[in-house]
């Protein structure tokens, strides 16, 4: 009964938290928003690599790994985000909190496992106020931009061991969510020192729906005294449906609660391409001691271009992500030292995000560390820290420094084994 209550409460908290604004980056204005890392905190701490698999952690980015599960595993994670923004003329700071994932996995035989879950896929959250533009006639226009919302993903996956060395897996996900983007424009000086008494609001509401599919293969073997693991994961291109409802409203600046006039500019649905994603990785180590892996991801983000998410200064290119990471355990079965049983993790990643502004690729890189803190039995708490930088302050753009603190719980037990004694 306690386990059932825990699962129910976790689902309630996860659903409520995913609805919150989980980012503060102005770069979430573009495309689908800020694309979240789709793995659990223990893998995020290893640079986001998804090569290593074991029987007590859920590797969300590699469905072939689900075949390794030997226990029912419940994983929950959350992150606190801290941002510092720098441009050529100003600096600012922001912070956000987000719930990252709720997943449940369990073995259905000695060689197969199933995982399902709910997690955010992208987040939109930005607030840019009071941007002033002066034209050659001396007219001063003020623009303010705000946005929120995001896309969520619910999925189910299956993995099976084909041989002692080879596992394959597949998962299917349904994506759904809405984003709101609002731009307020007010001419505070019409050229003679007086303002307009009205301002306009361009309000764009986008509603997304669509499926994704992922297949993967995991190969493991021994090379001398070392354990070798490698995998390949592929998600094909799929078509989503996006409904665009855009309204243009005029407000009296002295009575801003209700519009003086409002018109629907766009109300239509269209197909949207969710690009293909390919990942390959390999690593080696010693069981219960250490492991190190490298991974390469290719995402065809050049297919993201759409009439509603491109501007005069923005376009998209294919994404390439490079990551390396691993873990070290001093002595996994130590009876005398708790610190010897802690899992120490670290990693690094570098990528071009696929977004290009003013012909400048927006790159993102980060270093991470983490700790797997064992509790009773096989349950553990996974704490991670990530520091990174995105973008640049040159070319009238924005440099974003961020620091993330993550915590996740991985609860493991045998739920479905028939008891010999009651």
Protein backbone atom coordinates (compact mmCIF):
# COMPACT_ATOMS: atom_id res chain seq x y z
CA UNK A 1 0.00 0.00 0.00
CA UNK A 2 2.84 2.41 0.85
CA UNK A 3 4.38 1.82 -2.56
CA UNK A 4 1.10 2.52 -4.32
CA UNK A 5 0.69 5.76 -2.38
CA UNK A 6 4.26 6.79 -3.25
CA UNK A 7 3.67 6.20 -6.95
CA UNK A 8 0.39 8.13 -6.90
CA UNK A 9 1.87 11.11 -5.06
CA UNK A 10 4.89 11.18 -7.36
CA UNK A 11 2.64 11.31 -10.42
CA UNK A 12 0.63 14.18 -8.93
CA UNK A 13 3.75 16.18 -8.06
CA UNK A 14 5.36 15.49 -11.43
CA UNK A 15 2.29 16.64 -13.35
CA UNK A 16 2.02 19.83 -11.30
CA UNK A 17 5.71 20.65 -11.53
CA UNK A 18 5.98 20.11 -15.29
CA UNK A 19 3.35 22.84 -15.72
CA UNK A 20 5.72 25.36 -14.07
CA UNK A 21 8.08 27.65 -15.95
CA UNK A 22 11.31 25.65 -16.00
CA UNK A 23 13.73 28.07 -17.70
CA UNK A 24 14.64 31.75 -17.82
CA UNK A 25 16.79 31.84 -20.94
CA UNK A 26 15.88 34.37 -23.65
CA UNK A 27 17.05 31.77 -26.19
CA UNK A 28 13.82 29.87 -25.43
CA UNK A 29 12.07 32.50 -27.61
CA UNK A 30 13.25 30.58 -30.67
CA UNK A 31 12.07 27.28 -32.11
CA UNK A 32 10.39 24.88 -29.69
CA UNK A 33 11.96 26.59 -26.69
CA UNK A 34 14.82 25.40 -24.52
CA UNK A 35 15.26 21.66 -25.14
CA UNK A 36 15.64 19.87 -21.81
CA UNK A 37 18.09 17.07 -21.12
CA UNK A 38 15.93 13.96 -21.35
CA UNK A 39 17.91 11.65 -19.05
CA UNK A 40 18.06 11.13 -15.30
CA UNK A 41 20.38 13.10 -13.02
CA UNK A 42 22.97 10.34 -12.68
CA UNK A 43 23.57 10.36 -16.45
CA UNK A 44 23.44 14.15 -16.66
CA UNK A 45 26.33 14.28 -14.16
CA UNK A 46 28.39 12.16 -16.58
CA UNK A 47 28.25 14.78 -19.32
CA UNK A 48 24.90 13.50 -20.58
CA UNK A 49 26.42 10.27 -21.92
CA UNK A 50 24.03 7.31 -22.09
CA UNK A 51 26.44 4.46 -22.80
CA UNK A 52 26.68 2.79 -19.38
CA UNK A 53 23.86 0.51 -18.26
CA UNK A 54 23.19 -1.45 -15.09
CA UNK A 55 20.31 -3.17 -13.32
CA UNK A 56 19.27 -0.44 -10.85
CA UNK A 57 19.22 2.83 -12.87
CA UNK A 58 16.88 3.81 -15.71
CA UNK A 59 18.79 5.00 -18.78
CA UNK A 60 16.06 7.01 -20.52
CA UNK A 61 18.08 7.79 -23.65
CA UNK A 62 18.82 4.15 -24.44
CA UNK A 63 15.74 1.88 -24.50
CA UNK A 64 17.91 -1.20 -25.10
CA UNK A 65 19.17 -0.72 -21.54
CA UNK A 66 15.68 -1.49 -20.16
CA UNK A 67 16.48 -5.18 -20.67
CA UNK A 68 19.06 -4.94 -17.85
CA UNK A 69 16.54 -4.02 -15.15
CA UNK A 70 16.33 -6.62 -12.40
CA UNK A 71 14.26 -4.62 -9.91
CA UNK A 72 11.25 -2.36 -10.03
CA UNK A 73 12.79 1.11 -10.20
CA UNK A 74 11.08 4.43 -9.53
CA UNK A 75 13.07 7.54 -10.53
CA UNK A 76 12.15 11.14 -9.72
CA UNK A 77 14.28 14.24 -10.31
CA UNK A 78 14.25 18.04 -9.92
CA UNK A 79 16.66 20.89 -10.68
CA UNK A 80 17.32 24.43 -9.47
CA UNK A 81 18.59 26.72 -12.25
CA UNK A 82 20.64 29.92 -11.77
CA UNK A 83 21.34 32.26 -14.71
CA UNK A 84 23.59 35.24 -15.28
CA UNK A 85 23.12 37.14 -18.56
CA UNK A 86 25.63 39.51 -20.14
CA UNK A 87 25.34 41.74 -23.18
CA UNK A 88 27.52 44.59 -24.33
CA UNK A 89 25.38 47.05 -22.37
CA UNK A 90 23.81 45.24 -19.42
CA UNK A 91 23.82 42.32 -16.99
CA UNK A 92 20.99 40.47 -15.30
CA UNK A 93 20.29 37.38 -13.20
CA UNK A 94 17.41 34.93 -12.80
CA UNK A 95 16.60 31.62 -11.14
CA UNK A 96 14.04 28.88 -11.72
CA UNK A 97 13.09 25.47 -10.34
CA UNK A 98 11.80 22.57 -12.38
CA UNK A 99 10.67 18.99 -11.97
CA UNK A 100 12.65 16.90 -14.47
CA UNK A 101 11.13 13.44 -14.71
CA UNK A 102 8.93 10.75 -13.23
CA UNK A 103 9.67 7.25 -14.51
CA UNK A 104 8.86 3.70 -13.47
CA UNK A 105 10.60 0.61 -14.83
CA UNK A 106 10.36 -3.08 -14.04
CA UNK A 107 11.55 -6.42 -15.43
CA UNK A 108 8.95 -8.59 -17.12
CA UNK A 109 11.29 -11.58 -17.50
CA UNK A 110 14.93 -12.45 -16.90
CA UNK A 111 15.84 -10.85 -20.23
CA UNK A 112 13.33 -8.04 -20.78
CA UNK A 113 12.11 -4.87 -19.11
CA UNK A 114 9.53 -2.11 -19.55
CA UNK A 115 9.76 1.58 -18.61
CA UNK A 116 7.17 4.34 -18.79
CA UNK A 117 7.22 7.92 -17.63
CA UNK A 118 6.45 11.61 -17.93
CA UNK A 119 8.95 14.43 -18.39
CA UNK A 120 9.29 17.90 -19.93
CA UNK A 121 10.72 17.99 -23.45
CA UNK A 122 11.10 21.76 -23.91
CA UNK A 123 10.52 24.86 -21.77
CA UNK A 124 9.75 28.44 -22.73
CA UNK A 125 10.40 31.14 -20.16
CA UNK A 126 11.77 34.62 -20.82
CA UNK A 127 11.09 38.24 -19.94
CA UNK A 128 12.82 41.04 -21.84
CA UNK A 129 11.46 44.44 -20.85
CA UNK A 130 11.95 47.99 -22.09
CA UNK A 131 13.96 47.52 -25.28
CA UNK A 132 14.16 50.99 -26.87
CA UNK A 133 14.67 51.66 -30.56
CA UNK A 134 15.13 55.19 -31.96
CA UNK A 135 14.57 55.71 -35.67
CA UNK A 136 16.14 58.47 -37.85
CA UNK A 137 13.10 60.71 -37.25
CA UNK A 138 13.65 60.68 -33.50
CA UNK A 139 10.71 58.40 -32.74
CA UNK A 140 11.34 56.11 -29.76
CA UNK A 141 9.64 52.71 -29.63
CA UNK A 142 9.70 50.44 -26.58
CA UNK A 143 9.37 46.67 -27.00
CA UNK A 144 8.83 44.09 -24.26
CA UNK A 145 8.84 40.32 -24.80
CA UNK A 146 7.54 37.62 -22.46
CA UNK A 147 6.96 33.92 -22.96
CA UNK A 148 6.10 30.76 -21.06
CA UNK A 149 4.86 27.21 -21.54
CA UNK A 150 6.51 24.15 -22.99
CA UNK A 151 6.14 20.67 -24.47
CA UNK A 152 5.82 17.52 -22.33
CA UNK A 153 6.50 13.90 -23.23
CA UNK A 154 4.78 10.74 -22.00
CA UNK A 155 6.36 7.49 -23.17
CA UNK A 156 6.62 3.73 -22.83
CA UNK A 157 9.65 1.65 -23.78
CA UNK A 158 10.68 -1.99 -24.03
CA UNK A 159 14.10 -3.65 -24.06
CA UNK A 160 15.11 -7.29 -24.52
CA UNK A 161 18.39 -9.23 -24.45
CA UNK A 162 18.74 -10.96 -27.81
CA UNK A 163 21.97 -12.69 -26.79
CA UNK A 164 24.21 -12.53 -23.73
CA UNK A 165 26.06 -9.64 -25.39
CA UNK A 166 23.40 -7.82 -27.39
CA UNK A 167 20.22 -6.00 -26.30
CA UNK A 168 17.77 -4.06 -28.43
CA UNK A 169 14.99 -1.69 -27.44
CA UNK A 170 12.30 0.67 -28.62
CA UNK A 171 10.23 3.41 -27.07
CA UNK A 172 7.28 5.47 -28.27
CA UNK A 173 6.50 8.93 -26.94
CA UNK A 174 3.60 11.33 -27.30
CA UNK A 175 4.44 15.04 -27.10
CA UNK A 176 1.91 17.68 -26.14
CA UNK A 177 1.93 21.22 -24.82
CA UNK A 178 1.44 24.91 -25.46
CA UNK A 179 3.71 27.94 -25.64
CA UNK A 180 2.72 31.59 -25.29
CA UNK A 181 4.78 34.40 -26.78
CA UNK A 182 3.77 38.01 -26.18
CA UNK A 183 5.30 41.18 -27.63
CA UNK A 184 4.19 44.59 -26.34
CA UNK A 185 5.03 47.62 -28.51
CA UNK A 186 4.61 51.23 -27.38
CA UNK A 187 5.80 54.43 -29.07
CA UNK A 188 6.87 56.49 -26.05
CA UNK A 189 7.97 59.41 -28.24
CA UNK A 190 6.36 60.12 -31.61
CA UNK A 191 9.18 62.54 -32.45
CA UNK A 192 8.04 65.66 -30.61
CA UNK A 193 8.44 64.44 -27.02
CA UNK A 194 4.89 63.13 -26.61
CA UNK A 195 3.86 59.44 -26.42
CA UNK A 196 1.07 57.49 -28.07
CA UNK A 197 -1.75 56.71 -25.65
CA UNK A 198 -2.09 53.15 -26.99
CA UNK A 199 0.17 50.14 -27.14
CA UNK A 200 -0.17 46.95 -29.18
CA UNK A 201 0.12 43.33 -28.09
CA UNK A 202 1.08 40.55 -30.49
CA UNK A 203 0.04 37.33 -28.72
CA UNK A 204 1.03 34.01 -30.31
CA UNK A 205 -0.29 30.77 -28.81
CA UNK A 206 1.13 27.53 -30.25
CA UNK A 207 -0.36 24.10 -29.45
CA UNK A 208 1.83 21.06 -30.24
CA UNK A 209 0.88 17.41 -30.64
CA UNK A 210 2.94 14.57 -32.09
CA UNK A 211 4.67 11.21 -31.67
CA UNK A 212 8.31 10.19 -31.58
CA UNK A 213 9.91 6.74 -31.84
CA UNK A 214 13.36 5.62 -30.73
CA UNK A 215 15.21 2.37 -31.42
CA UNK A 216 18.55 1.36 -29.95
CA UNK A 217 21.05 -1.47 -29.65
CA UNK A 218 23.48 -2.11 -26.76
CA UNK A 219 26.54 -4.35 -27.10
CA UNK A 220 28.64 -5.53 -24.15
CA UNK A 221 31.70 -7.76 -23.97
CA UNK A 222 35.00 -8.33 -22.16
CA UNK A 223 38.29 -7.05 -23.56
CA UNK A 224 40.97 -8.61 -21.39
CA UNK A 225 40.10 -7.56 -17.83
CA UNK A 226 37.92 -4.62 -18.89
CA UNK A 227 34.18 -4.35 -19.51
CA UNK A 228 33.33 -2.79 -22.87
CA UNK A 229 29.93 -1.25 -23.67
CA UNK A 230 28.71 0.49 -26.81
CA UNK A 231 25.37 1.58 -28.20
CA UNK A 232 23.63 3.23 -31.12
CA UNK A 233 20.31 5.05 -30.82
CA UNK A 234 18.17 6.44 -33.61
CA UNK A 235 14.95 8.47 -33.60
CA UNK A 236 13.53 8.98 -37.10
CA UNK A 237 11.97 12.20 -38.34
CA UNK A 238 8.28 12.52 -37.45
CA UNK A 239 5.56 15.02 -38.29
CA UNK A 240 3.78 16.89 -35.53
CA UNK A 241 0.69 19.07 -35.69
CA UNK A 242 0.99 22.66 -34.51
CA UNK A 243 -1.98 25.01 -34.14
CA UNK A 244 -1.11 28.69 -34.33
CA UNK A 245 -3.54 31.20 -32.82
CA UNK A 246 -2.15 34.72 -33.10
CA UNK A 247 -4.05 37.80 -31.98
CA UNK A 248 -3.26 41.50 -32.29
CA UNK A 249 -4.74 43.72 -29.58
CA UNK A 250 -4.65 47.47 -28.89
CA UNK A 251 -4.63 48.72 -25.28
CA UNK A 252 -5.05 52.15 -23.73
CA UNK A 253 -1.89 52.73 -21.66
CA UNK A 254 -4.01 54.31 -18.92
CA UNK A 255 -6.47 51.36 -18.82
CA UNK A 256 -4.37 48.32 -19.73
CA UNK A 257 -6.71 45.66 -18.31
CA UNK A 258 -8.97 45.36 -21.37
CA UNK A 259 -8.17 45.77 -25.07
CA UNK A 260 -9.69 48.62 -27.04
CA UNK A 261 -9.63 46.41 -30.11
CA UNK A 262 -8.61 42.81 -30.82
CA UNK A 263 -8.27 40.90 -34.06
CA UNK A 264 -7.32 37.31 -34.86
CA UNK A 265 -4.41 37.44 -37.30
CA UNK A 266 -3.71 33.70 -37.67
CA UNK A 267 -5.84 30.68 -36.72
CA UNK A 268 -4.60 27.59 -38.52
CA UNK A 269 -3.05 24.17 -38.08
CA UNK A 270 -0.06 22.88 -40.02
CA UNK A 271 2.49 20.07 -40.03
CA UNK A 272 5.74 20.57 -38.22
CA UNK A 273 8.89 18.46 -38.68
CA UNK A 274 10.46 16.98 -35.57
CA UNK A 275 13.98 16.19 -36.85
CA UNK A 276 15.80 12.87 -36.77
CA UNK A 277 18.31 12.17 -34.01
CA UNK A 278 21.29 9.79 -34.13
CA UNK A 279 23.57 8.90 -31.20
CA UNK A 280 26.61 6.59 -31.00
CA UNK A 281 28.80 5.95 -27.99
CA UNK A 282 31.29 3.56 -26.42
CA UNK A 283 33.10 3.12 -23.13
CA UNK A 284 35.05 0.74 -20.94
CA UNK A 285 35.78 0.14 -17.29
CA UNK A 286 35.72 -2.35 -14.43
CA UNK A 287 32.50 -3.63 -12.88
CA UNK A 288 31.55 -1.92 -9.61
CA UNK A 289 34.70 0.23 -9.84
CA UNK A 290 34.91 2.73 -12.71
CA UNK A 291 33.71 3.48 -16.20
CA UNK A 292 34.43 6.16 -18.82
CA UNK A 293 32.54 6.77 -22.07
CA UNK A 294 32.38 9.10 -25.04
CA UNK A 295 29.34 9.90 -27.15
CA UNK A 296 28.39 11.78 -30.31
CA UNK A 297 24.90 13.06 -31.13
CA UNK A 298 23.67 14.38 -34.46
CA UNK A 299 20.29 16.14 -34.69
CA UNK A 300 19.00 17.45 -38.03
CA UNK A 301 17.82 20.74 -36.54
CA UNK A 302 18.03 22.48 -39.92
CA UNK A 303 14.56 20.96 -40.47
CA UNK A 304 13.18 23.11 -37.61
CA UNK A 305 12.73 26.17 -39.81
CA UNK A 306 9.08 27.19 -39.95
CA UNK A 307 7.23 30.38 -40.78
CA UNK A 308 6.40 31.12 -37.13
CA UNK A 309 9.78 30.40 -35.52
CA UNK A 310 12.22 32.21 -37.81
CA UNK A 311 13.00 35.93 -37.83
CA UNK A 312 15.15 38.29 -39.87
CA UNK A 313 18.16 37.45 -37.67
CA UNK A 314 17.58 33.74 -36.96
CA UNK A 315 17.94 30.45 -38.78
CA UNK A 316 18.74 26.81 -37.94
CA UNK A 317 21.57 24.39 -38.61
CA UNK A 318 22.23 20.76 -37.74
CA UNK A 319 23.33 20.08 -34.18
CA UNK A 320 26.47 18.14 -33.24
CA UNK A 321 27.04 17.29 -29.60
CA UNK A 322 30.18 15.77 -28.11
CA UNK A 323 30.23 14.44 -24.56
CA UNK A 324 32.49 12.46 -22.27
CA UNK A 325 31.90 11.24 -18.75
CA UNK A 326 32.13 8.46 -16.25
CA UNK A 327 32.12 7.36 -12.62
CA UNK A 328 34.37 5.98 -9.89
CA UNK A 329 33.49 3.90 -6.80
CA UNK A 330 36.30 3.47 -4.22
CA UNK A 331 34.87 0.26 -2.74
CA UNK A 332 31.25 -0.62 -3.50
CA UNK A 333 30.89 -3.23 -0.72
CA UNK A 334 32.73 -1.44 2.06
CA UNK A 335 31.33 -2.04 5.56
CA UNK A 336 33.52 0.51 7.32
CA UNK A 337 33.37 3.64 5.15
CA UNK A 338 30.24 5.23 3.71
CA UNK A 339 32.32 7.50 1.45
CA UNK A 340 33.92 4.43 -0.16
CA UNK A 341 30.46 3.33 -1.34
CA UNK A 342 29.56 6.72 -2.85
CA UNK A 343 29.52 6.88 -6.68
CA UNK A 344 31.59 9.85 -7.88
CA UNK A 345 30.61 11.11 -11.34
CA UNK A 346 31.96 13.77 -13.73
CA UNK A 347 31.58 14.81 -17.35
CA UNK A 348 31.89 17.43 -20.07
CA UNK A 349 29.81 18.26 -23.15
CA UNK A 350 30.05 20.68 -26.06
CA UNK A 351 27.47 21.35 -28.77
CA UNK A 352 26.22 23.81 -31.31
CA UNK A 353 22.57 24.11 -30.35
CA UNK A 354 21.32 24.41 -33.93
CA UNK A 355 20.24 28.03 -33.45
CA UNK A 356 22.04 30.68 -35.54
CA UNK A 357 21.55 34.38 -34.71
CA UNK A 358 23.06 37.12 -36.84
CA UNK A 359 25.12 34.41 -38.60
CA UNK A 360 26.62 33.36 -35.24
CA UNK A 361 26.15 29.76 -34.11
CA UNK A 362 24.84 29.62 -30.56
CA UNK A 363 27.14 27.13 -28.85
CA UNK A 364 26.68 25.54 -25.45
CA UNK A 365 29.23 23.80 -23.24
CA UNK A 366 29.20 22.60 -19.65
CA UNK A 367 31.15 20.65 -17.03
CA UNK A 368 29.37 18.51 -14.45
CA UNK A 369 30.01 16.51 -11.31
CA UNK A 370 27.72 14.31 -9.26
CA UNK A 371 27.44 11.94 -6.33
CA UNK A 372 25.42 8.76 -5.96
CA UNK A 373 24.58 8.47 -2.28
CA UNK A 374 23.52 4.94 -1.30
CA UNK A 375 20.63 4.43 1.09
CA UNK A 376 19.16 1.22 2.45
CA UNK A 377 19.23 -1.65 0.00
CA UNK A 378 19.72 -0.54 -3.61
CA UNK A 379 17.93 2.81 -3.26
CA UNK A 380 20.10 5.87 -3.83
CA UNK A 381 20.03 9.65 -4.02
CA UNK A 382 21.79 11.24 -6.98
CA UNK A 383 23.02 14.81 -6.60
CA UNK A 384 24.54 16.72 -9.50
CA UNK A 385 26.06 20.12 -10.26
CA UNK A 386 26.52 21.62 -13.72
CA UNK A 387 28.18 24.86 -14.80
CA UNK A 388 27.96 26.01 -18.40
CA UNK A 389 27.89 28.84 -20.92
CA UNK A 390 25.71 29.46 -23.93
CA UNK A 391 25.94 32.13 -26.60
CA UNK A 392 28.18 35.19 -26.83
CA UNK A 393 27.98 38.86 -25.86
CA UNK A 394 29.54 39.99 -29.16
CA UNK A 395 27.56 40.97 -32.28
CA UNK A 396 24.87 42.51 -30.02
CA UNK A 397 23.95 39.06 -28.71
CA UNK A 398 23.65 37.59 -25.23
CA UNK A 399 26.04 35.42 -23.24
CA UNK A 400 24.37 33.16 -20.72
CA UNK A 401 26.24 31.60 -17.80
CA UNK A 402 24.23 29.03 -15.89
CA UNK A 403 24.58 26.82 -12.83
CA UNK A 404 22.27 23.87 -12.19
CA UNK A 405 21.83 21.89 -8.99
CA UNK A 406 19.95 18.61 -9.46
CA UNK A 407 18.67 15.96 -7.09
CA UNK A 408 17.13 12.64 -8.03
CA UNK A 409 15.85 9.58 -6.23
CA UNK A 410 16.20 6.05 -7.58
CA UNK A 411 14.08 3.67 -5.50
CA UNK A 412 14.58 -0.04 -6.15
CA UNK A 413 12.60 -3.02 -4.90
CA UNK A 414 11.07 -6.33 -6.01
CA UNK A 415 7.35 -5.62 -6.44
CA UNK A 416 6.06 -8.45 -8.59
CA UNK A 417 7.88 -11.53 -7.28
CA UNK A 418 5.53 -14.15 -5.88
CA UNK A 419 6.03 -14.67 -2.14
CA UNK A 420 6.82 -18.14 -0.81
CA UNK A 421 5.44 -17.29 2.62
CA UNK A 422 2.67 -14.87 3.66
